[in-house]
Amino acid sequence: MAALPVDGVSSISDTPPADGLEYLRRVRYEARNLPEVLIAHNLPAHRPESYTLSGAAQPAASDPQLNSSPTPSTSSHAHNVRRWVAIPPPLPACPEHRAPTDAWRADVLTTFVSLRSSLRRRSTQPQAHNRARKQSSAPLGRRKTAWLAIFSDATRRPQLSDLLIQDQLSVVRIFEWCVQMTTTQPALREHHARWCYALMVALDLPLDPDTSADVAALLRFCSKRIADDSTEVSTTEVASLSLLITLTKDFFRQR
């Protein structure tokens, strides 16, 4: 407001301002009379009783606090967030005999970043786009049924041309379908891991909230699977699980 020179003093009235200058005078008057510190009084927070994997909080059947009048809150902001938002359970710890080394994780991240850079360079080259359209047999992102058929085909490997012909909205949509199919299986299938990896190479940052939730869902699925000592997990699956966990946690910063 200080950048707009306004002369005169506002006349306090219940009527609407007569013109733009009178409106600015009233804004100045209100700003001058605001206290330096404001305290927000919130409704008493309600902590969900449980948390499900679908992300839905399970509140109690009835809670008299929800109908009570506002009262001052002395809790910190972080504490209020925890009380209002259902916090997912912590990720299960990876057994020591299945945990990758720090050097392996660093190598995975280096390769992943290099592939992302290479894809972005090619995506700016018209010749690369033209070649990709001729080489790729993949459908565009609007055809969900066709993509689910591709994800179900263990012999169909992702190709660079498949990614180059998609715009970012299509990549996000295809990744969502891929995660949905992957996380509904009892184990991580190798061809699903390949497609998850390829589509994450093509994801732009920052992630939108829905895509971020998809990445987090993939992380949770892989973390639970690798931590399950009650079932036999092959060496190949452990490597794929470790690969996706490293990317979703260390690159995309999901928890």
C-alpha atoms as a PDB file:
ATOM      1  CA  MET A   1       0.000   0.000   0.000  1.00  0.00           C
ATOM      2  CA  ALA A   2       2.882   2.385   0.660  1.00  0.00           C
ATOM      3  CA  ALA A   3       3.673   2.329  -3.059  1.00  0.00           C
ATOM      4  CA  LEU A   4       0.351   4.064  -3.849  1.00  0.00           C
ATOM      5  CA  PRO A   5       0.278   7.740  -2.838  1.00  0.00           C
ATOM      6  CA  VAL A   6      -3.165   8.547  -1.365  1.00  0.00           C
ATOM      7  CA  ASP A   7      -4.059  12.009  -0.034  1.00  0.00           C
ATOM      8  CA  GLY A   8      -6.727  12.849   2.505  1.00  0.00           C
ATOM      9  CA  VAL A   9      -8.293  11.047   5.430  1.00  0.00           C
ATOM     10  CA  SER A  10     -10.978   8.417   5.116  1.00  0.00           C
ATOM     11  CA  SER A  11     -14.453   9.279   6.344  1.00  0.00           C
ATOM     12  CA  ILE A  12     -15.659   6.256   8.283  1.00  0.00           C
ATOM     13  CA  SER A  13     -19.054   5.237   7.003  1.00  0.00           C
ATOM     14  CA  ASP A  14     -21.213   2.168   6.489  1.00  0.00           C
ATOM     15  CA  THR A  15     -21.833   3.154   2.882  1.00  0.00           C
ATOM     16  CA  PRO A  16     -19.656   1.779   0.078  1.00  0.00           C
ATOM     17  CA  PRO A  17     -16.674   3.960  -0.940  1.00  0.00           C
ATOM     18  CA  ALA A  18     -17.584   6.576  -3.513  1.00  0.00           C
ATOM     19  CA  ASP A  19     -14.516   5.961  -5.687  1.00  0.00           C
ATOM     20  CA  GLY A  20     -11.204   4.142  -5.860  1.00  0.00           C
ATOM     21  CA  LEU A  21      -9.325   6.727  -3.823  1.00  0.00           C
ATOM     22  CA  GLU A  22     -11.864   6.531  -1.012  1.00  0.00           C
ATOM     23  CA  TYR A  23     -11.498   2.734  -1.039  1.00  0.00           C
ATOM     24  CA  LEU A  24      -7.707   3.047  -0.679  1.00  0.00           C
ATOM     25  CA  ARG A  25      -8.138   5.576   2.157  1.00  0.00           C
ATOM     26  CA  ARG A  26     -10.305   3.091   4.035  1.00  0.00           C
ATOM     27  CA  VAL A  27      -7.775   0.324   3.469  1.00  0.00           C
ATOM     28  CA  ARG A  28      -5.055   2.592   4.884  1.00  0.00           C
ATOM     29  CA  TYR A  29      -7.232   3.423   7.875  1.00  0.00           C
ATOM     30  CA  GLU A  30      -7.930  -0.242   8.623  1.00  0.00           C
ATOM     31  CA  ALA A  31      -4.240  -1.142   8.243  1.00  0.00           C
ATOM     32  CA  ARG A  32      -3.202   1.566  10.701  1.00  0.00           C
ATOM     33  CA  ASN A  33      -5.664   0.297  13.294  1.00  0.00           C
ATOM     34  CA  LEU A  34      -4.774  -3.384  13.085  1.00  0.00           C
ATOM     35  CA  PRO A  35      -2.887  -4.772  16.112  1.00  0.00           C
ATOM     36  CA  GLU A  36       0.695  -5.850  15.528  1.00  0.00           C
ATOM     37  CA  VAL A  37      -0.048  -9.382  16.775  1.00  0.00           C
ATOM     38  CA  LEU A  38      -3.175 -11.371  15.900  1.00  0.00           C
ATOM     39  CA  ILE A  39      -4.199 -14.565  17.715  1.00  0.00           C
ATOM     40  CA  ALA A  40      -6.354 -17.099  15.898  1.00  0.00           C
ATOM     41  CA  HIS A  41      -8.748 -19.054  18.101  1.00  0.00           C
ATOM     42  CA  ASN A  42      -9.415 -22.486  16.613  1.00  0.00           C
ATOM     43  CA  LEU A  43     -11.933 -25.219  17.280  1.00  0.00           C
ATOM     44  CA  PRO A  44     -10.596 -27.920  19.618  1.00  0.00           C
ATOM     45  CA  ALA A  45      -8.687 -30.315  17.413  1.00  0.00           C
ATOM     46  CA  HIS A  46      -9.789 -33.911  17.049  1.00  0.00           C
ATOM     47  CA  ARG A  47      -7.201 -36.661  16.710  1.00  0.00           C
ATOM     48  CA  PRO A  48      -8.305 -39.472  14.387  1.00  0.00           C
ATOM     49  CA  GLU A  49      -8.610 -42.788  16.149  1.00  0.00           C
ATOM     50  CA  SER A  50      -6.908 -44.796  13.421  1.00  0.00           C
ATOM     51  CA  TYR A  51      -5.371 -44.589   9.982  1.00  0.00           C
ATOM     52  CA  THR A  52      -6.025 -46.828   7.007  1.00  0.00           C
ATOM     53  CA  LEU A  53      -3.787 -47.427   4.017  1.00  0.00           C
ATOM     54  CA  SER A  54      -6.356 -45.715   1.809  1.00  0.00           C
ATOM     55  CA  GLY A  55      -5.519 -42.506   3.637  1.00  0.00           C
ATOM     56  CA  ALA A  56      -8.938 -42.137   5.269  1.00  0.00           C
ATOM     57  CA  ALA A  57      -8.969 -41.196   8.894  1.00  0.00           C
ATOM     58  CA  GLN A  58     -11.389 -43.161  11.097  1.00  0.00           C
ATOM     59  CA  PRO A  59     -12.820 -40.718  13.642  1.00  0.00           C
ATOM     60  CA  ALA A  60     -14.914 -41.714  16.594  1.00  0.00           C
ATOM     61  CA  ALA A  61     -18.633 -42.161  15.976  1.00  0.00           C
ATOM     62  CA  SER A  62     -19.504 -39.001  17.882  1.00  0.00           C
ATOM     63  CA  ASP A  63     -17.331 -36.282  19.295  1.00  0.00           C
ATOM     64  CA  PRO A  64     -18.841 -33.489  21.378  1.00  0.00           C
ATOM     65  CA  GLN A  65     -15.736 -31.393  20.776  1.00  0.00           C
ATOM     66  CA  LEU A  66     -16.693 -30.963  17.128  1.00  0.00           C
ATOM     67  CA  ASN A  67     -19.831 -29.032  18.146  1.00  0.00           C
ATOM     68  CA  SER A  68     -18.248 -26.958  20.881  1.00  0.00           C
ATOM     69  CA  SER A  69     -17.536 -23.248  20.681  1.00  0.00           C
ATOM     70  CA  PRO A  70     -14.119 -21.918  19.631  1.00  0.00           C
ATOM     71  CA  THR A  71     -11.493 -21.758  22.344  1.00  0.00           C
ATOM     72  CA  PRO A  72      -7.951 -20.378  22.328  1.00  0.00           C
ATOM     73  CA  SER A  73      -5.293 -22.847  21.325  1.00  0.00           C
ATOM     74  CA  THR A  74      -1.880 -22.773  22.949  1.00  0.00           C
ATOM     75  CA  SER A  75      -0.455 -25.651  20.892  1.00  0.00           C
ATOM     76  CA  SER A  76       2.245 -25.080  18.320  1.00  0.00           C
ATOM     77  CA  HIS A  77       1.371 -25.093  14.631  1.00  0.00           C
ATOM     78  CA  ALA A  78       3.085 -28.440  14.073  1.00  0.00           C
ATOM     79  CA  HIS A  79       1.146 -29.989  16.948  1.00  0.00           C
ATOM     80  CA  ASN A  80      -2.137 -28.667  15.546  1.00  0.00           C
ATOM     81  CA  VAL A  81      -1.311 -30.145  12.142  1.00  0.00           C
ATOM     82  CA  ARG A  82      -0.714 -33.538  13.726  1.00  0.00           C
ATOM     83  CA  ARG A  83      -4.032 -33.345  15.555  1.00  0.00           C
ATOM     84  CA  TRP A  84      -6.058 -32.310  12.515  1.00  0.00           C
ATOM     85  CA  VAL A  85      -4.364 -34.404   9.796  1.00  0.00           C
ATOM     86  CA  ALA A  86      -4.180 -38.182   9.795  1.00  0.00           C
ATOM     87  CA  ILE A  87      -0.469 -38.974   9.973  1.00  0.00           C
ATOM     88  CA  PRO A  88       0.402 -42.229   8.174  1.00  0.00           C
ATOM     89  CA  PRO A  89       2.258 -44.838  10.180  1.00  0.00           C
ATOM     90  CA  PRO A  90       6.046 -44.820   9.857  1.00  0.00           C
ATOM     91  CA  LEU A  91       7.596 -46.827   7.077  1.00  0.00           C
ATOM     92  CA  PRO A  92       8.710 -50.304   8.137  1.00  0.00           C
ATOM     93  CA  ALA A  93      12.445 -50.693   8.521  1.00  0.00           C
ATOM     94  CA  CYS A  94      14.276 -52.627   5.842  1.00  0.00           C
ATOM     95  CA  PRO A  95      15.931 -55.802   7.180  1.00  0.00           C
ATOM     96  CA  GLU A  96      19.689 -55.525   7.304  1.00  0.00           C
ATOM     97  CA  HIS A  97      20.255 -58.434   4.937  1.00  0.00           C
ATOM     98  CA  ARG A  98      18.145 -56.713   2.248  1.00  0.00           C
ATOM     99  CA  ALA A  99      19.332 -53.120   2.702  1.00  0.00           C
ATOM    100  CA  PRO A 100      21.450 -51.649  -0.128  1.00  0.00           C
ATOM    101  CA  THR A 101      24.776 -49.977   0.542  1.00  0.00           C
ATOM    102  CA  ASP A 102      25.189 -46.199   0.464  1.00  0.00           C
ATOM    103  CA  ALA A 103      27.483 -46.522  -2.561  1.00  0.00           C
ATOM    104  CA  TRP A 104      24.829 -48.500  -4.449  1.00  0.00           C
ATOM    105  CA  ARG A 105      22.162 -45.888  -3.661  1.00  0.00           C
ATOM    106  CA  ALA A 106      24.463 -43.067  -4.752  1.00  0.00           C
ATOM    107  CA  ASP A 107      25.160 -44.841  -8.041  1.00  0.00           C
ATOM    108  CA  VAL A 108      21.417 -45.336  -8.623  1.00  0.00           C
ATOM    109  CA  LEU A 109      20.748 -41.623  -8.082  1.00  0.00           C
ATOM    110  CA  THR A 110      23.615 -40.569 -10.347  1.00  0.00           C
ATOM    111  CA  THR A 111      22.352 -42.766 -13.184  1.00  0.00           C
ATOM    112  CA  PHE A 112      18.763 -41.594 -12.669  1.00  0.00           C
ATOM    113  CA  VAL A 113      19.706 -37.898 -12.787  1.00  0.00           C
ATOM    114  CA  SER A 114      21.788 -38.498 -15.911  1.00  0.00           C
ATOM    115  CA  LEU A 115      18.869 -40.223 -17.656  1.00  0.00           C
ATOM    116  CA  ARG A 116      16.503 -37.375 -16.742  1.00  0.00           C
ATOM    117  CA  SER A 117      18.923 -34.833 -18.192  1.00  0.00           C
ATOM    118  CA  SER A 118      19.335 -36.852 -21.374  1.00  0.00           C
ATOM    119  CA  LEU A 119      15.563 -37.183 -21.818  1.00  0.00           C
ATOM    120  CA  ARG A 120      15.061 -33.451 -21.385  1.00  0.00           C
ATOM    121  CA  ARG A 121      17.740 -32.651 -23.951  1.00  0.00           C
ATOM    122  CA  ARG A 122      16.128 -34.972 -26.478  1.00  0.00           C
ATOM    123  CA  SER A 123      12.658 -33.602 -25.764  1.00  0.00           C
ATOM    124  CA  THR A 124      13.787 -30.203 -27.093  1.00  0.00           C
ATOM    125  CA  GLN A 125      14.990 -31.671 -30.385  1.00  0.00           C
ATOM    126  CA  PRO A 126      12.326 -31.797 -33.146  1.00  0.00           C
ATOM    127  CA  GLN A 127      14.185 -34.581 -34.963  1.00  0.00           C
ATOM    128  CA  ALA A 128      14.038 -36.773 -31.858  1.00  0.00           C
ATOM    129  CA  HIS A 129      10.288 -36.211 -31.590  1.00  0.00           C
ATOM    130  CA  ASN A 130       9.765 -37.124 -35.238  1.00  0.00           C
ATOM    131  CA  ARG A 131      11.770 -40.332 -34.888  1.00  0.00           C
ATOM    132  CA  ALA A 132       9.924 -41.230 -31.676  1.00  0.00           C
ATOM    133  CA  ARG A 133       6.516 -40.899 -33.349  1.00  0.00           C
ATOM    134  CA  LYS A 134       7.616 -43.345 -36.051  1.00  0.00           C
ATOM    135  CA  GLN A 135       9.273 -45.828 -33.680  1.00  0.00           C
ATOM    136  CA  SER A 136       6.888 -45.974 -30.728  1.00  0.00           C
ATOM    137  CA  SER A 137       3.824 -48.197 -30.697  1.00  0.00           C
ATOM    138  CA  ALA A 138       2.663 -46.785 -27.344  1.00  0.00           C
ATOM    139  CA  PRO A 139      -0.729 -45.053 -27.165  1.00  0.00           C
ATOM    140  CA  LEU A 140      -1.159 -41.497 -25.974  1.00  0.00           C
ATOM    141  CA  GLY A 141      -2.002 -40.823 -22.347  1.00  0.00           C
ATOM    142  CA  ARG A 142      -5.780 -40.645 -22.833  1.00  0.00           C
ATOM    143  CA  ARG A 143      -6.149 -44.392 -23.521  1.00  0.00           C
ATOM    144  CA  LYS A 144      -6.191 -46.038 -20.112  1.00  0.00           C
ATOM    145  CA  THR A 145      -7.317 -49.482 -21.277  1.00  0.00           C
ATOM    146  CA  ALA A 146      -4.475 -49.662 -23.796  1.00  0.00           C
ATOM    147  CA  TRP A 147      -1.921 -48.686 -21.166  1.00  0.00           C
ATOM    148  CA  LEU A 148      -3.217 -51.236 -18.662  1.00  0.00           C
ATOM    149  CA  ALA A 149      -2.784 -53.874 -21.357  1.00  0.00           C
ATOM    150  CA  ILE A 150       0.834 -52.748 -21.848  1.00  0.00           C
ATOM    151  CA  PHE A 151       1.522 -52.915 -18.097  1.00  0.00           C
ATOM    152  CA  SER A 152       0.093 -56.451 -18.053  1.00  0.00           C
ATOM    153  CA  ASP A 153       2.467 -57.586 -20.815  1.00  0.00           C
ATOM    154  CA  ALA A 154       5.693 -58.789 -19.210  1.00  0.00           C
ATOM    155  CA  THR A 155       7.449 -58.811 -22.592  1.00  0.00           C
ATOM    156  CA  ARG A 156       6.752 -55.124 -23.354  1.00  0.00           C
ATOM    157  CA  ARG A 157       9.685 -53.011 -22.188  1.00  0.00           C
ATOM    158  CA  PRO A 158       9.572 -49.213 -21.961  1.00  0.00           C
ATOM    159  CA  GLN A 159      11.397 -47.392 -24.756  1.00  0.00           C
ATOM    160  CA  LEU A 160      12.747 -43.868 -24.931  1.00  0.00           C
ATOM    161  CA  SER A 161      10.391 -43.192 -27.839  1.00  0.00           C
ATOM    162  CA  ASP A 162       7.415 -44.135 -25.626  1.00  0.00           C
ATOM    163  CA  LEU A 163       8.300 -41.261 -23.288  1.00  0.00           C
ATOM    164  CA  LEU A 164       9.190 -38.679 -25.934  1.00  0.00           C
ATOM    165  CA  ILE A 165       5.773 -38.797 -27.614  1.00  0.00           C
ATOM    166  CA  GLN A 166       3.934 -38.011 -24.342  1.00  0.00           C
ATOM    167  CA  ASP A 167       3.329 -34.559 -22.916  1.00  0.00           C
ATOM    168  CA  GLN A 168       3.731 -34.051 -19.169  1.00  0.00           C
ATOM    169  CA  LEU A 169       0.009 -34.355 -18.437  1.00  0.00           C
ATOM    170  CA  SER A 170       0.013 -37.742 -20.171  1.00  0.00           C
ATOM    171  CA  VAL A 171       3.113 -38.870 -18.274  1.00  0.00           C
ATOM    172  CA  VAL A 172       1.452 -37.999 -14.961  1.00  0.00           C
ATOM    173  CA  ARG A 173      -1.718 -39.853 -15.945  1.00  0.00           C
ATOM    174  CA  ILE A 174       0.144 -42.950 -17.158  1.00  0.00           C
ATOM    175  CA  PHE A 175       2.277 -42.994 -14.004  1.00  0.00           C
ATOM    176  CA  GLU A 176      -0.877 -42.935 -11.884  1.00  0.00           C
ATOM    177  CA  TRP A 177      -2.260 -45.981 -13.737  1.00  0.00           C
ATOM    178  CA  CYS A 178       1.073 -47.762 -13.434  1.00  0.00           C
ATOM    179  CA  VAL A 179       1.256 -47.191  -9.675  1.00  0.00           C
ATOM    180  CA  GLN A 180      -2.335 -48.342  -9.232  1.00  0.00           C
ATOM    181  CA  MET A 181      -1.626 -51.619 -11.030  1.00  0.00           C
ATOM    182  CA  THR A 182       1.735 -52.131  -9.306  1.00  0.00           C
ATOM    183  CA  THR A 183       0.486 -51.585  -5.755  1.00  0.00           C
ATOM    184  CA  THR A 184      -2.496 -53.925  -6.115  1.00  0.00           C
ATOM    185  CA  GLN A 185      -0.233 -56.935  -6.755  1.00  0.00           C
ATOM    186  CA  PRO A 186       0.991 -59.198  -3.945  1.00  0.00           C
ATOM    187  CA  ALA A 187       4.600 -58.672  -5.070  1.00  0.00           C
ATOM    188  CA  LEU A 188       6.583 -56.278  -7.232  1.00  0.00           C
ATOM    189  CA  ARG A 189       6.741 -57.603 -10.762  1.00  0.00           C
ATOM    190  CA  GLU A 190       9.869 -56.851 -12.734  1.00  0.00           C
ATOM    191  CA  HIS A 191       8.085 -55.313 -15.729  1.00  0.00           C
ATOM    192  CA  HIS A 192       6.058 -53.057 -13.417  1.00  0.00           C
ATOM    193  CA  ALA A 193       9.296 -51.877 -11.795  1.00  0.00           C
ATOM    194  CA  ARG A 194      10.722 -51.071 -15.249  1.00  0.00           C
ATOM    195  CA  TRP A 195       7.698 -48.925 -16.150  1.00  0.00           C
ATOM    196  CA  CYS A 196       7.663 -47.142 -12.783  1.00  0.00           C
ATOM    197  CA  TYR A 197      11.332 -46.310 -13.228  1.00  0.00           C
ATOM    198  CA  ALA A 198      10.902 -45.096 -16.817  1.00  0.00           C
ATOM    199  CA  LEU A 199       7.907 -42.916 -15.994  1.00  0.00           C
ATOM    200  CA  MET A 200       9.679 -41.377 -12.983  1.00  0.00           C
ATOM    201  CA  VAL A 201      12.512 -40.427 -15.336  1.00  0.00           C
ATOM    202  CA  ALA A 202       9.928 -38.451 -17.329  1.00  0.00           C
ATOM    203  CA  LEU A 203       8.189 -36.781 -14.363  1.00  0.00           C
ATOM    204  CA  ASP A 204       8.790 -33.041 -14.098  1.00  0.00           C
ATOM    205  CA  LEU A 205       9.513 -31.326 -10.788  1.00  0.00           C
ATOM    206  CA  PRO A 206       7.905 -30.045  -8.679  1.00  0.00           C
ATOM    207  CA  LEU A 207       5.302 -32.776  -8.427  1.00  0.00           C
ATOM    208  CA  ASP A 208       1.663 -31.822  -8.137  1.00  0.00           C
ATOM    209  CA  PRO A 209      -0.080 -33.110  -4.962  1.00  0.00           C
ATOM    210  CA  ASP A 210      -1.784 -36.049  -6.677  1.00  0.00           C
ATOM    211  CA  THR A 211       1.432 -37.271  -8.313  1.00  0.00           C
ATOM    212  CA  SER A 212       3.286 -36.798  -5.043  1.00  0.00           C
ATOM    213  CA  ALA A 213       0.684 -39.043  -3.396  1.00  0.00           C
ATOM    214  CA  ASP A 214       1.225 -41.647  -6.135  1.00  0.00           C
ATOM    215  CA  VAL A 215       4.988 -41.618  -5.501  1.00  0.00           C
ATOM    216  CA  ALA A 216       4.352 -41.951  -1.762  1.00  0.00           C
ATOM    217  CA  ALA A 217       1.990 -44.888  -2.374  1.00  0.00           C
ATOM    218  CA  LEU A 218       4.691 -46.611  -4.425  1.00  0.00           C
ATOM    219  CA  LEU A 219       7.209 -46.030  -1.635  1.00  0.00           C
ATOM    220  CA  ARG A 220       4.879 -47.519   0.978  1.00  0.00           C
ATOM    221  CA  PHE A 221       4.146 -50.566  -1.139  1.00  0.00           C
ATOM    222  CA  CYS A 222       7.845 -51.255  -1.765  1.00  0.00           C
ATOM    223  CA  SER A 223       8.813 -50.591   1.858  1.00  0.00           C
ATOM    224  CA  LYS A 224       6.210 -53.006   3.197  1.00  0.00           C
ATOM    225  CA  ARG A 225       7.196 -55.662   0.689  1.00  0.00           C
ATOM    226  CA  ILE A 226      10.933 -55.504   1.358  1.00  0.00           C
ATOM    227  CA  ALA A 227      10.361 -55.505   5.122  1.00  0.00           C
ATOM    228  CA  ASP A 228       8.193 -58.627   5.033  1.00  0.00           C
ATOM    229  CA  ASP A 229      10.374 -61.456   6.299  1.00  0.00           C
ATOM    230  CA  SER A 230       7.443 -63.860   6.408  1.00  0.00           C
ATOM    231  CA  THR A 231       7.521 -64.429   2.634  1.00  0.00           C
ATOM    232  CA  GLU A 232      10.286 -65.355   0.235  1.00  0.00           C
ATOM    233  CA  VAL A 233      11.493 -62.407  -1.860  1.00  0.00           C
ATOM    234  CA  SER A 234      13.795 -63.131  -4.778  1.00  0.00           C
ATOM    235  CA  THR A 235      17.114 -61.346  -5.234  1.00  0.00           C
ATOM    236  CA  THR A 236      15.783 -59.698  -8.402  1.00  0.00           C
ATOM    237  CA  GLU A 237      12.714 -58.367  -6.587  1.00  0.00           C
ATOM    238  CA  VAL A 238      14.816 -57.076  -3.680  1.00  0.00           C
ATOM    239  CA  ALA A 239      16.968 -55.142  -6.162  1.00  0.00           C
ATOM    240  CA  SER A 240      13.882 -53.670  -7.863  1.00  0.00           C
ATOM    241  CA  LEU A 241      12.320 -52.758  -4.505  1.00  0.00           C
ATOM    242  CA  SER A 242      15.544 -51.115  -3.332  1.00  0.00           C
ATOM    243  CA  LEU A 243      15.787 -49.191  -6.606  1.00  0.00           C
ATOM    244  CA  LEU A 244      12.274 -47.724  -6.330  1.00  0.00           C
ATOM    245  CA  ILE A 245      12.633 -46.997  -2.608  1.00  0.00           C
ATOM    246  CA  THR A 246      15.872 -45.101  -3.262  1.00  0.00           C
ATOM    247  CA  LEU A 247      14.265 -42.966  -5.972  1.00  0.00           C
ATOM    248  CA  THR A 248      11.021 -42.245  -4.152  1.00  0.00           C
ATOM    249  CA  LYS A 249      12.771 -41.395  -0.870  1.00  0.00           C
ATOM    250  CA  ASP A 250      16.083 -39.845  -1.854  1.00  0.00           C
ATOM    251  CA  PHE A 251      15.149 -38.133  -5.125  1.00  0.00           C
ATOM    252  CA  PHE A 252      11.442 -37.353  -4.798  1.00  0.00           C
ATOM    253  CA  ARG A 253      11.701 -36.812  -1.015  1.00  0.00           C
ATOM    254  CA  GLN A 254       8.696 -38.882  -0.019  1.00  0.00           C
ATOM    255  CA  ARG A 255       8.347 -40.263   3.483  1.00  0.00           C
END
